[in-house]
């Protein structure tokens, strides 16, 4: 016959097991990227070490490497984050108005101290090695493709035709800005952006009309 003590012990729920290891630091990713961006903009990618990024982010070096296997991968993620936070994807219901906002925000960012440093950093980093160039190109193309939704909406509204070369179209402004920044030429004035967009739309219309014969 079981004792009362045995019965009570059997009825008591077992204590939950504590997970092994430290709990995941949910804010670590953001701190790592912010630290990498800040240090790399200040001193350049080549002069920044993963140890410094980890120290400024308040995490261990192993935590950084678990998320980013190389410094180039970390730099690519930091560059993508910086551009993404400065240039949003608008939805005004008009291709022209969306592009005016995108061009204005991008030019404004490129003209800032941080933005011009960002463009020089990205251009310089991409020339260091083929592997680094591939990483930065992938980060850029992922962000660029997010702006493709503007084209998708314009296609649905009939403002554009399917034969548009979207990669060439979306690459045109970054190419212009990078070239002007690294050669110390003035950027297009913001008050000229509407005229610039109207010229692009006219070119697209003319290409569409020529294709239709």
N, C-alpha and C. Protein backbone atom coordinates (compact mmCIF):
# COMPACT_ATOMS: atom_id res chain seq x y z
N UNK A 1 0.85 -1.20 0.00
CA UNK A 1 0.00 0.00 0.00
C UNK A 1 0.88 1.24 0.00
N UNK A 2 0.54 2.19 -0.90
CA UNK A 2 1.37 3.38 -1.02
C UNK A 2 1.12 4.33 0.12
N UNK A 3 2.13 4.99 0.56
CA UNK A 3 2.00 5.98 1.62
C UNK A 3 1.43 7.27 1.05
N UNK A 4 0.93 8.15 1.95
CA UNK A 4 0.40 9.45 1.53
C UNK A 4 1.49 10.27 0.86
N UNK A 5 2.74 10.12 1.38
CA UNK A 5 3.86 10.87 0.83
C UNK A 5 4.11 10.47 -0.61
N UNK A 6 4.00 9.12 -0.86
CA UNK A 6 4.20 8.65 -2.22
C UNK A 6 3.12 9.17 -3.14
N UNK A 7 1.86 9.21 -2.68
CA UNK A 7 0.74 9.68 -3.48
C UNK A 7 0.90 11.15 -3.83
N UNK A 8 1.28 11.97 -2.83
CA UNK A 8 1.46 13.39 -3.07
C UNK A 8 2.57 13.65 -4.07
N UNK A 9 3.64 12.86 -3.96
CA UNK A 9 4.76 13.06 -4.87
C UNK A 9 4.38 12.74 -6.30
N UNK A 10 3.54 11.71 -6.46
CA UNK A 10 3.14 11.31 -7.81
C UNK A 10 2.24 12.34 -8.44
N UNK A 11 1.44 13.05 -7.61
CA UNK A 11 0.49 14.01 -8.14
C UNK A 11 1.12 15.36 -8.44
N UNK A 12 2.28 15.62 -7.84
CA UNK A 12 2.90 16.93 -8.05
C UNK A 12 3.47 17.02 -9.47
N UNK A 13 3.17 18.11 -10.18
CA UNK A 13 3.72 18.26 -11.54
C UNK A 13 5.23 18.43 -11.48
N UNK A 14 5.90 17.87 -12.47
CA UNK A 14 7.35 17.99 -12.51
C UNK A 14 7.74 19.41 -12.89
N UNK A 15 8.83 19.89 -12.34
CA UNK A 15 9.29 21.24 -12.62
C UNK A 15 9.78 21.34 -14.06
N UNK A 16 9.47 22.43 -14.76
CA UNK A 16 9.93 22.57 -16.15
C UNK A 16 11.45 22.61 -16.22
N UNK A 17 11.97 21.96 -17.23
CA UNK A 17 13.42 21.95 -17.40
C UNK A 17 13.91 23.28 -17.96
N UNK A 18 15.02 23.74 -17.46
CA UNK A 18 15.59 24.99 -17.96
C UNK A 18 16.36 24.70 -19.24
N UNK A 19 16.16 25.52 -20.25
CA UNK A 19 16.89 25.29 -21.50
C UNK A 19 18.39 25.43 -21.29
N UNK A 20 19.13 24.61 -22.02
CA UNK A 20 20.58 24.67 -21.91
C UNK A 20 21.12 25.92 -22.60
N UNK A 21 22.23 26.42 -22.09
CA UNK A 21 22.86 27.58 -22.72
C UNK A 21 22.16 28.88 -22.37
N UNK A 22 22.75 29.96 -22.87
CA UNK A 22 22.17 31.28 -22.62
C UNK A 22 20.95 31.51 -23.49
N UNK A 23 19.97 32.27 -22.98
CA UNK A 23 18.83 32.61 -23.84
C UNK A 23 19.27 33.49 -25.00
N UNK A 24 18.61 33.37 -26.14
CA UNK A 24 18.98 34.14 -27.32
C UNK A 24 18.75 35.63 -27.08
N UNK A 25 19.74 36.41 -27.42
CA UNK A 25 19.66 37.87 -27.30
C UNK A 25 18.95 38.40 -28.53
N UNK A 26 17.67 38.76 -28.37
CA UNK A 26 16.86 39.16 -29.52
C UNK A 26 17.34 40.48 -30.14
N UNK A 27 18.01 41.31 -29.37
CA UNK A 27 18.46 42.58 -29.91
C UNK A 27 19.87 42.55 -30.47
N UNK A 28 20.51 41.38 -30.43
CA UNK A 28 21.91 41.29 -30.85
C UNK A 28 22.09 41.62 -32.33
N UNK A 29 21.20 41.11 -33.18
CA UNK A 29 21.34 41.35 -34.61
C UNK A 29 21.39 42.84 -34.92
N UNK A 30 20.45 43.58 -34.38
CA UNK A 30 20.39 45.01 -34.67
C UNK A 30 21.61 45.73 -34.14
N UNK A 31 22.07 45.37 -32.93
CA UNK A 31 23.24 46.03 -32.36
C UNK A 31 24.50 45.72 -33.17
N UNK A 32 24.62 44.49 -33.65
CA UNK A 32 25.79 44.11 -34.45
C UNK A 32 25.83 44.91 -35.75
N UNK A 33 24.69 44.99 -36.43
CA UNK A 33 24.63 45.71 -37.70
C UNK A 33 24.88 47.20 -37.49
N UNK A 34 24.28 47.75 -36.45
CA UNK A 34 24.48 49.18 -36.17
C UNK A 34 25.95 49.47 -35.85
N UNK A 35 26.57 48.60 -35.07
CA UNK A 35 27.97 48.79 -34.72
C UNK A 35 28.85 48.68 -35.96
N UNK A 36 28.58 47.68 -36.80
CA UNK A 36 29.37 47.50 -38.02
C UNK A 36 29.23 48.71 -38.94
N UNK A 37 28.00 49.19 -39.12
CA UNK A 37 27.77 50.34 -39.99
C UNK A 37 28.49 51.58 -39.48
N UNK A 38 28.39 51.82 -38.18
CA UNK A 38 29.02 53.00 -37.59
C UNK A 38 30.54 52.96 -37.74
N UNK A 39 31.14 51.83 -37.41
CA UNK A 39 32.60 51.71 -37.47
C UNK A 39 33.11 51.75 -38.91
N UNK A 40 32.40 51.08 -39.81
CA UNK A 40 32.86 51.01 -41.20
C UNK A 40 32.71 52.35 -41.91
N UNK A 41 31.67 53.09 -41.60
CA UNK A 41 31.52 54.42 -42.19
C UNK A 41 32.60 55.37 -41.68
N UNK A 42 32.99 55.17 -40.44
CA UNK A 42 33.99 56.05 -39.83
C UNK A 42 35.40 55.75 -40.34
N UNK A 43 35.72 54.45 -40.50
CA UNK A 43 37.13 54.10 -40.77
C UNK A 43 37.34 53.26 -42.03
N UNK A 44 36.25 52.76 -42.63
CA UNK A 44 36.41 51.89 -43.79
C UNK A 44 36.38 50.43 -43.39
N UNK A 45 35.94 49.58 -44.30
CA UNK A 45 35.78 48.17 -43.99
C UNK A 45 37.10 47.51 -43.62
N UNK A 46 38.15 47.80 -44.37
CA UNK A 46 39.44 47.12 -44.16
C UNK A 46 40.02 47.41 -42.78
N UNK A 47 39.71 48.58 -42.21
CA UNK A 47 40.31 48.98 -40.93
C UNK A 47 39.50 48.52 -39.72
N UNK A 48 38.35 47.92 -39.93
CA UNK A 48 37.49 47.50 -38.83
C UNK A 48 37.63 46.00 -38.61
N UNK A 49 37.73 45.58 -37.36
CA UNK A 49 37.83 44.16 -37.04
C UNK A 49 36.52 43.65 -36.45
N UNK A 50 36.32 42.36 -36.56
CA UNK A 50 35.12 41.75 -35.97
C UNK A 50 35.14 41.90 -34.46
N UNK A 51 36.33 41.86 -33.85
CA UNK A 51 36.43 42.06 -32.40
C UNK A 51 35.88 43.42 -31.99
N UNK A 52 36.19 44.46 -32.78
CA UNK A 52 35.70 45.79 -32.47
C UNK A 52 34.18 45.87 -32.61
N UNK A 53 33.65 45.24 -33.65
CA UNK A 53 32.20 45.23 -33.85
C UNK A 53 31.53 44.53 -32.67
N UNK A 54 32.07 43.38 -32.28
CA UNK A 54 31.49 42.63 -31.17
C UNK A 54 31.54 43.44 -29.88
N UNK A 55 32.67 44.11 -29.63
CA UNK A 55 32.82 44.90 -28.41
C UNK A 55 31.82 46.05 -28.38
N UNK A 56 31.66 46.76 -29.49
CA UNK A 56 30.73 47.89 -29.52
C UNK A 56 29.28 47.43 -29.43
N UNK A 57 28.99 46.23 -29.97
CA UNK A 57 27.62 45.69 -29.92
C UNK A 57 27.31 45.04 -28.59
N UNK A 58 28.33 44.81 -27.77
CA UNK A 58 28.11 44.18 -26.47
C UNK A 58 27.84 42.70 -26.56
N UNK A 59 28.46 42.04 -27.53
CA UNK A 59 28.28 40.58 -27.70
C UNK A 59 29.65 39.95 -27.85
N UNK A 60 29.69 38.62 -27.81
CA UNK A 60 30.93 37.90 -28.02
C UNK A 60 31.24 37.79 -29.50
N UNK A 61 32.51 37.59 -29.82
CA UNK A 61 32.93 37.44 -31.21
C UNK A 61 32.23 36.26 -31.87
N UNK A 62 32.03 35.19 -31.10
CA UNK A 62 31.36 34.00 -31.65
C UNK A 62 29.93 34.31 -32.06
N UNK A 63 29.27 35.22 -31.33
CA UNK A 63 27.90 35.61 -31.67
C UNK A 63 27.85 36.28 -33.03
N UNK A 64 28.84 37.11 -33.31
CA UNK A 64 28.90 37.77 -34.62
C UNK A 64 29.10 36.73 -35.72
N UNK A 65 30.04 35.82 -35.52
CA UNK A 65 30.35 34.84 -36.56
C UNK A 65 29.22 33.84 -36.78
N UNK A 66 28.40 33.59 -35.75
CA UNK A 66 27.25 32.70 -35.95
C UNK A 66 26.26 33.30 -36.93
N UNK A 67 26.18 34.63 -36.95
CA UNK A 67 25.24 35.31 -37.83
C UNK A 67 25.88 35.68 -39.17
N UNK A 68 27.15 36.04 -39.13
CA UNK A 68 27.84 36.51 -40.33
C UNK A 68 29.20 35.80 -40.40
N UNK A 69 29.36 34.85 -41.32
CA UNK A 69 30.55 34.01 -41.34
C UNK A 69 31.84 34.73 -41.73
N UNK A 70 31.74 35.94 -42.26
CA UNK A 70 32.93 36.69 -42.64
C UNK A 70 32.67 38.18 -42.46
N UNK A 71 33.75 38.96 -42.46
CA UNK A 71 33.59 40.41 -42.32
C UNK A 71 32.89 40.99 -43.54
N UNK A 72 33.14 40.41 -44.71
CA UNK A 72 32.46 40.89 -45.91
C UNK A 72 30.96 40.66 -45.83
N UNK A 73 30.55 39.51 -45.29
CA UNK A 73 29.12 39.24 -45.13
C UNK A 73 28.50 40.23 -44.15
N UNK A 74 29.22 40.56 -43.10
CA UNK A 74 28.75 41.55 -42.13
C UNK A 74 28.65 42.92 -42.78
N UNK A 75 29.66 43.29 -43.57
CA UNK A 75 29.65 44.59 -44.24
C UNK A 75 28.50 44.70 -45.22
N UNK A 76 28.24 43.62 -45.97
CA UNK A 76 27.15 43.63 -46.93
C UNK A 76 25.81 43.84 -46.23
N UNK A 77 25.62 43.17 -45.10
CA UNK A 77 24.38 43.33 -44.34
C UNK A 77 24.25 44.74 -43.79
N UNK A 78 25.37 45.33 -43.36
CA UNK A 78 25.34 46.69 -42.83
C UNK A 78 25.00 47.70 -43.92
N UNK A 79 25.58 47.52 -45.10
CA UNK A 79 25.30 48.42 -46.21
C UNK A 79 23.83 48.34 -46.63
N UNK A 80 23.32 47.12 -46.68
CA UNK A 80 21.91 46.92 -47.05
C UNK A 80 20.99 47.61 -46.03
N UNK A 81 21.32 47.47 -44.75
CA UNK A 81 20.51 48.09 -43.70
C UNK A 81 20.51 49.61 -43.82
N UNK A 82 21.69 50.20 -44.05
CA UNK A 82 21.78 51.66 -44.12
C UNK A 82 20.92 52.23 -45.24
N UNK A 83 20.99 51.62 -46.42
CA UNK A 83 20.21 52.13 -47.53
C UNK A 83 18.72 51.89 -47.31
N UNK A 84 18.38 50.72 -46.77
CA UNK A 84 16.98 50.38 -46.56
C UNK A 84 16.28 51.32 -45.59
N UNK A 85 17.00 51.82 -44.60
CA UNK A 85 16.38 52.70 -43.62
C UNK A 85 16.23 54.13 -44.13
N UNK A 86 16.99 54.48 -45.15
CA UNK A 86 16.95 55.85 -45.66
C UNK A 86 15.99 56.01 -46.83
N UNK A 87 15.76 54.93 -47.58
CA UNK A 87 14.92 55.02 -48.78
C UNK A 87 13.82 53.97 -48.68
N UNK A 88 12.60 54.43 -48.45
CA UNK A 88 11.46 53.52 -48.31
C UNK A 88 10.82 53.26 -49.66
N UNK A 89 9.92 52.28 -49.70
CA UNK A 89 9.18 51.96 -50.92
C UNK A 89 7.79 52.58 -50.79
N UNK A 90 7.50 53.66 -51.53
CA UNK A 90 6.21 54.35 -51.39
C UNK A 90 5.09 53.66 -52.16
N UNK A 91 3.88 54.06 -51.88
CA UNK A 91 2.71 53.55 -52.61
C UNK A 91 1.67 54.66 -52.67
N UNK A 92 1.84 55.57 -53.65
CA UNK A 92 0.94 56.71 -53.78
C UNK A 92 -0.23 56.44 -54.73
N UNK A 93 -0.15 55.34 -55.48
CA UNK A 93 -1.15 55.06 -56.51
C UNK A 93 -0.77 55.61 -57.86
N UNK A 94 0.43 56.20 -57.96
CA UNK A 94 0.90 56.78 -59.22
C UNK A 94 2.37 56.44 -59.40
N UNK A 95 2.72 55.90 -60.57
CA UNK A 95 4.11 55.59 -60.86
C UNK A 95 4.98 56.84 -60.78
N UNK A 96 4.49 57.92 -61.36
CA UNK A 96 5.26 59.18 -61.36
C UNK A 96 5.52 59.65 -59.94
N UNK A 97 4.51 59.69 -59.10
CA UNK A 97 4.67 60.19 -57.74
C UNK A 97 5.55 59.25 -56.91
N UNK A 98 5.39 57.94 -57.11
CA UNK A 98 6.25 56.99 -56.39
C UNK A 98 7.71 57.23 -56.74
N UNK A 99 8.00 57.41 -58.04
CA UNK A 99 9.38 57.57 -58.46
C UNK A 99 9.97 58.91 -58.03
N UNK A 100 9.13 59.94 -57.96
CA UNK A 100 9.61 61.23 -57.45
C UNK A 100 10.08 61.07 -56.00
N UNK A 101 9.30 60.34 -55.21
CA UNK A 101 9.66 60.12 -53.81
C UNK A 101 10.95 59.30 -53.71
N UNK A 102 11.04 58.22 -54.49
CA UNK A 102 12.23 57.36 -54.44
C UNK A 102 13.47 58.14 -54.86
N UNK A 103 13.39 58.87 -55.97
CA UNK A 103 14.54 59.64 -56.45
C UNK A 103 14.92 60.73 -55.45
N UNK A 104 13.94 61.41 -54.91
CA UNK A 104 14.23 62.49 -53.95
C UNK A 104 14.90 61.94 -52.70
N UNK A 105 14.36 60.85 -52.14
CA UNK A 105 14.93 60.25 -50.94
C UNK A 105 16.35 59.74 -51.20
N UNK A 106 16.55 59.12 -52.37
CA UNK A 106 17.87 58.56 -52.69
C UNK A 106 18.90 59.67 -52.88
N UNK A 107 18.52 60.73 -53.59
CA UNK A 107 19.44 61.85 -53.79
C UNK A 107 19.74 62.54 -52.46
N UNK A 108 18.71 62.68 -51.63
CA UNK A 108 18.91 63.31 -50.33
C UNK A 108 19.88 62.47 -49.48
N UNK A 109 19.72 61.16 -49.52
CA UNK A 109 20.61 60.27 -48.77
C UNK A 109 22.04 60.35 -49.32
N UNK A 110 22.17 60.29 -50.65
CA UNK A 110 23.50 60.33 -51.27
C UNK A 110 24.21 61.65 -51.00
N UNK A 111 23.44 62.71 -50.82
CA UNK A 111 24.03 64.01 -50.57
C UNK A 111 24.40 64.26 -49.12
N UNK A 112 23.97 63.38 -48.23
CA UNK A 112 24.31 63.54 -46.82
C UNK A 112 25.72 63.02 -46.55
N UNK A 113 26.30 63.41 -45.43
CA UNK A 113 27.64 62.95 -45.07
C UNK A 113 27.67 61.44 -44.95
N UNK A 114 26.69 60.87 -44.27
CA UNK A 114 26.65 59.42 -44.10
C UNK A 114 26.38 58.72 -45.43
N UNK A 115 25.51 59.30 -46.23
CA UNK A 115 25.16 58.68 -47.51
C UNK A 115 26.32 58.65 -48.49
N UNK A 116 27.06 59.76 -48.60
CA UNK A 116 28.19 59.78 -49.52
C UNK A 116 29.28 58.82 -49.04
N UNK A 117 29.46 58.74 -47.72
CA UNK A 117 30.42 57.77 -47.18
C UNK A 117 29.97 56.34 -47.49
N UNK A 118 28.68 56.11 -47.39
CA UNK A 118 28.11 54.80 -47.70
C UNK A 118 28.40 54.40 -49.15
N UNK A 119 28.17 55.31 -50.09
CA UNK A 119 28.38 55.00 -51.51
C UNK A 119 29.86 54.76 -51.81
N UNK A 120 30.73 55.57 -51.22
CA UNK A 120 32.17 55.36 -51.43
C UNK A 120 32.61 54.03 -50.83
N UNK A 121 32.06 53.72 -49.68
CA UNK A 121 32.39 52.46 -49.00
C UNK A 121 31.98 51.27 -49.84
N UNK A 122 30.75 51.32 -50.35
CA UNK A 122 30.24 50.20 -51.15
C UNK A 122 31.03 50.03 -52.44
N UNK A 123 31.32 51.17 -53.10
CA UNK A 123 32.06 51.10 -54.36
C UNK A 123 33.47 50.57 -54.13
N UNK A 124 34.12 51.04 -53.08
CA UNK A 124 35.47 50.58 -52.80
C UNK A 124 35.52 49.13 -52.38
N UNK A 125 34.55 48.72 -51.55
CA UNK A 125 34.53 47.34 -51.07
C UNK A 125 34.31 46.35 -52.20
N UNK A 126 33.50 46.72 -53.16
CA UNK A 126 33.18 45.81 -54.26
C UNK A 126 34.37 45.55 -55.17
N UNK A 127 35.38 46.41 -55.08
CA UNK A 127 36.56 46.22 -55.93
C UNK A 127 37.67 45.43 -55.23
N UNK A 128 37.47 45.09 -53.96
CA UNK A 128 38.54 44.43 -53.21
C UNK A 128 38.76 42.99 -53.66
N UNK A 129 37.67 42.28 -53.95
CA UNK A 129 37.79 40.88 -54.36
C UNK A 129 36.50 40.45 -55.04
N UNK A 130 36.59 39.37 -55.80
CA UNK A 130 35.40 38.86 -56.49
C UNK A 130 34.36 38.39 -55.48
N UNK A 131 34.81 37.74 -54.42
CA UNK A 131 33.88 37.24 -53.41
C UNK A 131 33.15 38.39 -52.72
N UNK A 132 33.91 39.44 -52.38
CA UNK A 132 33.29 40.60 -51.75
C UNK A 132 32.30 41.25 -52.70
N UNK A 133 32.68 41.37 -53.97
CA UNK A 133 31.79 41.99 -54.96
C UNK A 133 30.49 41.19 -55.08
N UNK A 134 30.58 39.87 -55.04
CA UNK A 134 29.38 39.03 -55.12
C UNK A 134 28.46 39.26 -53.93
N UNK A 135 29.04 39.38 -52.75
CA UNK A 135 28.24 39.61 -51.55
C UNK A 135 27.53 40.95 -51.61
N UNK A 136 28.25 42.00 -52.01
CA UNK A 136 27.65 43.33 -52.07
C UNK A 136 26.61 43.42 -53.19
N UNK A 137 26.89 42.73 -54.30
CA UNK A 137 25.91 42.73 -55.40
C UNK A 137 24.63 42.04 -54.95
N UNK A 138 24.75 40.91 -54.26
CA UNK A 138 23.56 40.20 -53.78
C UNK A 138 22.76 41.07 -52.82
N UNK A 139 23.45 41.75 -51.90
CA UNK A 139 22.76 42.62 -50.94
C UNK A 139 22.06 43.76 -51.66
N UNK A 140 22.74 44.34 -52.63
CA UNK A 140 22.14 45.44 -53.40
C UNK A 140 20.94 44.95 -54.21
N UNK A 141 21.07 43.80 -54.88
CA UNK A 141 19.99 43.31 -55.73
C UNK A 141 18.75 42.93 -54.92
N UNK A 142 18.96 42.41 -53.71
CA UNK A 142 17.81 42.09 -52.85
C UNK A 142 17.04 43.36 -52.52
N UNK A 143 17.77 44.41 -52.19
CA UNK A 143 17.12 45.68 -51.86
C UNK A 143 16.50 46.30 -53.11
N UNK A 144 17.21 46.25 -54.23
CA UNK A 144 16.70 46.81 -55.48
C UNK A 144 15.40 46.11 -55.88
N UNK A 145 15.37 44.79 -55.74
CA UNK A 145 14.18 44.04 -56.15
C UNK A 145 12.95 44.41 -55.33
N UNK A 146 13.18 44.91 -54.11
CA UNK A 146 12.04 45.35 -53.31
C UNK A 146 11.33 46.54 -53.97
N UNK A 147 12.09 47.34 -54.71
CA UNK A 147 11.50 48.47 -55.41
C UNK A 147 10.75 48.03 -56.67
N UNK A 148 10.93 46.75 -57.05
CA UNK A 148 10.21 46.24 -58.20
C UNK A 148 8.70 46.27 -58.02
N UNK A 149 8.23 46.32 -56.78
CA UNK A 149 6.79 46.38 -56.53
C UNK A 149 6.20 47.65 -57.12
N UNK A 150 6.99 48.73 -57.20
CA UNK A 150 6.51 49.97 -57.83
C UNK A 150 6.21 49.72 -59.30
N UNK A 151 7.08 48.98 -59.96
CA UNK A 151 6.87 48.64 -61.36
C UNK A 151 5.68 47.70 -61.51
N UNK A 152 5.57 46.72 -60.61
CA UNK A 152 4.45 45.78 -60.67
C UNK A 152 3.11 46.51 -60.58
N UNK A 153 3.02 47.47 -59.67
CA UNK A 153 1.78 48.23 -59.53
C UNK A 153 1.50 49.05 -60.78
N UNK A 154 2.56 49.65 -61.35
CA UNK A 154 2.38 50.47 -62.56
C UNK A 154 1.93 49.60 -63.73
N UNK A 155 2.43 48.36 -63.81
CA UNK A 155 2.00 47.45 -64.86
C UNK A 155 0.52 47.11 -64.70
N UNK A 156 0.09 46.88 -63.46
CA UNK A 156 -1.31 46.55 -63.21
C UNK A 156 -2.22 47.73 -63.57
N UNK A 157 -1.74 48.95 -63.37
CA UNK A 157 -2.53 50.13 -63.69
C UNK A 157 -2.42 50.52 -65.17
N UNK A 158 -1.58 49.84 -65.92
CA UNK A 158 -1.41 50.15 -67.33
C UNK A 158 -0.50 51.33 -67.61
N UNK A 159 0.27 51.76 -66.60
CA UNK A 159 1.18 52.89 -66.79
C UNK A 159 2.47 52.47 -67.49
N UNK A 160 2.81 51.19 -67.44
CA UNK A 160 4.00 50.66 -68.08
C UNK A 160 3.65 49.42 -68.88
N UNK A 161 4.56 49.00 -69.74
CA UNK A 161 4.36 47.78 -70.52
C UNK A 161 5.33 46.71 -70.05
N UNK A 162 4.99 45.46 -70.34
CA UNK A 162 5.76 44.32 -69.86
C UNK A 162 7.18 44.26 -70.40
N UNK A 163 7.46 44.97 -71.50
CA UNK A 163 8.79 44.88 -72.10
C UNK A 163 9.82 45.78 -71.40
N UNK A 164 9.42 46.43 -70.31
CA UNK A 164 10.35 47.28 -69.58
C UNK A 164 11.50 46.45 -68.99
N UNK A 165 12.71 46.90 -69.21
CA UNK A 165 13.88 46.27 -68.61
C UNK A 165 14.02 46.81 -67.18
N UNK A 166 13.42 46.12 -66.22
CA UNK A 166 13.34 46.68 -64.88
C UNK A 166 14.70 46.79 -64.20
N UNK A 167 15.59 45.83 -64.44
CA UNK A 167 16.91 45.91 -63.81
C UNK A 167 17.66 47.14 -64.29
N UNK A 168 17.62 47.38 -65.59
CA UNK A 168 18.30 48.56 -66.14
C UNK A 168 17.67 49.85 -65.62
N UNK A 169 16.34 49.85 -65.56
CA UNK A 169 15.63 51.03 -65.08
C UNK A 169 15.98 51.32 -63.61
N UNK A 170 15.95 50.28 -62.77
CA UNK A 170 16.19 50.48 -61.34
C UNK A 170 17.67 50.74 -61.04
N UNK A 171 18.57 50.31 -61.92
CA UNK A 171 20.00 50.54 -61.70
C UNK A 171 20.46 51.93 -62.12
N UNK A 172 19.65 52.61 -62.93
CA UNK A 172 20.11 53.85 -63.53
C UNK A 172 20.43 54.93 -62.51
N UNK A 173 19.57 55.13 -61.52
CA UNK A 173 19.82 56.18 -60.53
C UNK A 173 21.01 55.85 -59.63
N UNK A 174 21.08 54.63 -59.04
CA UNK A 174 22.27 54.33 -58.22
C UNK A 174 23.57 54.49 -59.00
N UNK A 175 23.58 54.07 -60.27
CA UNK A 175 24.79 54.21 -61.08
C UNK A 175 25.18 55.68 -61.23
N UNK A 176 24.19 56.52 -61.49
CA UNK A 176 24.45 57.95 -61.63
C UNK A 176 25.00 58.55 -60.34
N UNK A 177 24.37 58.19 -59.21
CA UNK A 177 24.77 58.78 -57.94
C UNK A 177 26.15 58.31 -57.51
N UNK A 178 26.43 57.02 -57.66
CA UNK A 178 27.75 56.51 -57.29
C UNK A 178 28.84 57.20 -58.11
N UNK A 179 28.60 57.33 -59.42
CA UNK A 179 29.58 57.98 -60.27
C UNK A 179 29.83 59.42 -59.84
N UNK A 180 28.76 60.14 -59.56
CA UNK A 180 28.92 61.56 -59.19
C UNK A 180 29.56 61.72 -57.82
N UNK A 181 29.23 60.83 -56.90
CA UNK A 181 29.82 60.93 -55.56
C UNK A 181 31.30 60.62 -55.59
N UNK A 182 31.70 59.53 -56.24
CA UNK A 182 33.11 59.14 -56.19
C UNK A 182 33.99 60.05 -57.06
N UNK A 183 33.36 60.79 -57.99
CA UNK A 183 34.13 61.75 -58.79
C UNK A 183 33.92 63.19 -58.32
N UNK A 184 33.26 63.34 -57.17
CA UNK A 184 33.03 64.66 -56.56
C UNK A 184 32.29 65.62 -57.47
N UNK A 185 31.30 65.12 -58.18
CA UNK A 185 30.45 65.97 -59.00
C UNK A 185 29.15 66.26 -58.25
N UNK A 186 28.50 67.39 -58.53
CA UNK A 186 27.25 67.72 -57.83
C UNK A 186 26.14 66.74 -58.18
N UNK A 187 25.30 66.47 -57.21
CA UNK A 187 24.14 65.60 -57.44
C UNK A 187 23.01 66.40 -58.08
N UNK A 188 22.07 65.72 -58.73
CA UNK A 188 20.93 66.44 -59.31
C UNK A 188 20.17 67.19 -58.21
N UNK A 189 19.81 68.46 -58.43
CA UNK A 189 19.03 69.21 -57.43
C UNK A 189 17.66 68.58 -57.21
N UNK A 190 17.19 68.63 -55.99
CA UNK A 190 15.90 68.01 -55.67
C UNK A 190 14.75 68.64 -56.45
N UNK A 191 14.84 69.95 -56.70
CA UNK A 191 13.73 70.60 -57.40
C UNK A 191 13.65 70.21 -58.87
N UNK A 192 14.68 69.51 -59.36
CA UNK A 192 14.65 69.05 -60.74
C UNK A 192 14.18 67.60 -60.88
N UNK A 193 13.90 66.95 -59.75
CA UNK A 193 13.49 65.54 -59.79
C UNK A 193 12.22 65.32 -60.60
N UNK A 194 11.15 66.14 -60.41
CA UNK A 194 9.95 65.91 -61.22
C UNK A 194 10.22 65.96 -62.72
N UNK A 195 11.05 66.93 -63.16
CA UNK A 195 11.39 67.00 -64.59
C UNK A 195 12.18 65.77 -65.02
N UNK A 196 13.05 65.29 -64.14
CA UNK A 196 13.84 64.10 -64.45
C UNK A 196 12.93 62.88 -64.62
N UNK A 197 11.97 62.74 -63.73
CA UNK A 197 11.03 61.62 -63.82
C UNK A 197 10.16 61.74 -65.07
N UNK A 198 9.72 62.95 -65.37
CA UNK A 198 8.91 63.15 -66.59
C UNK A 198 9.71 62.76 -67.84
N UNK A 199 11.00 63.07 -67.85
CA UNK A 199 11.84 62.69 -68.97
C UNK A 199 11.96 61.18 -69.09
N UNK A 200 12.08 60.49 -67.95
CA UNK A 200 12.15 59.03 -67.96
C UNK A 200 10.85 58.44 -68.49
N UNK A 201 9.72 58.98 -68.03
CA UNK A 201 8.43 58.46 -68.46
C UNK A 201 8.24 58.69 -69.96
N UNK A 202 8.66 59.85 -70.46
CA UNK A 202 8.56 60.10 -71.91
C UNK A 202 9.40 59.09 -72.68
N UNK A 203 10.58 58.80 -72.18
CA UNK A 203 11.44 57.82 -72.84
C UNK A 203 10.79 56.44 -72.86
N UNK A 204 10.17 56.08 -71.74
CA UNK A 204 9.48 54.79 -71.68
C UNK A 204 8.29 54.75 -72.65
N UNK A 205 7.56 55.85 -72.71
CA UNK A 205 6.41 55.92 -73.64
C UNK A 205 6.87 55.82 -75.10
N UNK A 206 7.96 56.51 -75.42
CA UNK A 206 8.48 56.47 -76.78
C UNK A 206 8.96 55.07 -77.13
N UNK A 207 9.60 54.39 -76.18
CA UNK A 207 10.07 53.03 -76.43
C UNK A 207 8.86 52.10 -76.63
N UNK A 208 7.82 52.31 -75.85
CA UNK A 208 6.62 51.48 -75.98
C UNK A 208 5.95 51.72 -77.33
N UNK A 209 5.84 52.98 -77.75
CA UNK A 209 5.21 53.30 -79.03
C UNK A 209 6.02 52.73 -80.19
N UNK A 210 7.35 52.79 -80.07
CA UNK A 210 8.19 52.25 -81.15
C UNK A 210 8.04 50.73 -81.25
N UNK A 211 7.89 50.09 -80.09
CA UNK A 211 7.73 48.64 -80.09
C UNK A 211 6.39 48.23 -80.71
N UNK A 212 5.38 49.07 -80.48
CA UNK A 212 4.06 48.75 -81.03
C UNK A 212 3.96 49.09 -82.52
N UNK A 213 4.92 49.90 -83.00
CA UNK A 213 4.92 50.24 -84.42
C UNK A 213 3.95 51.36 -84.73
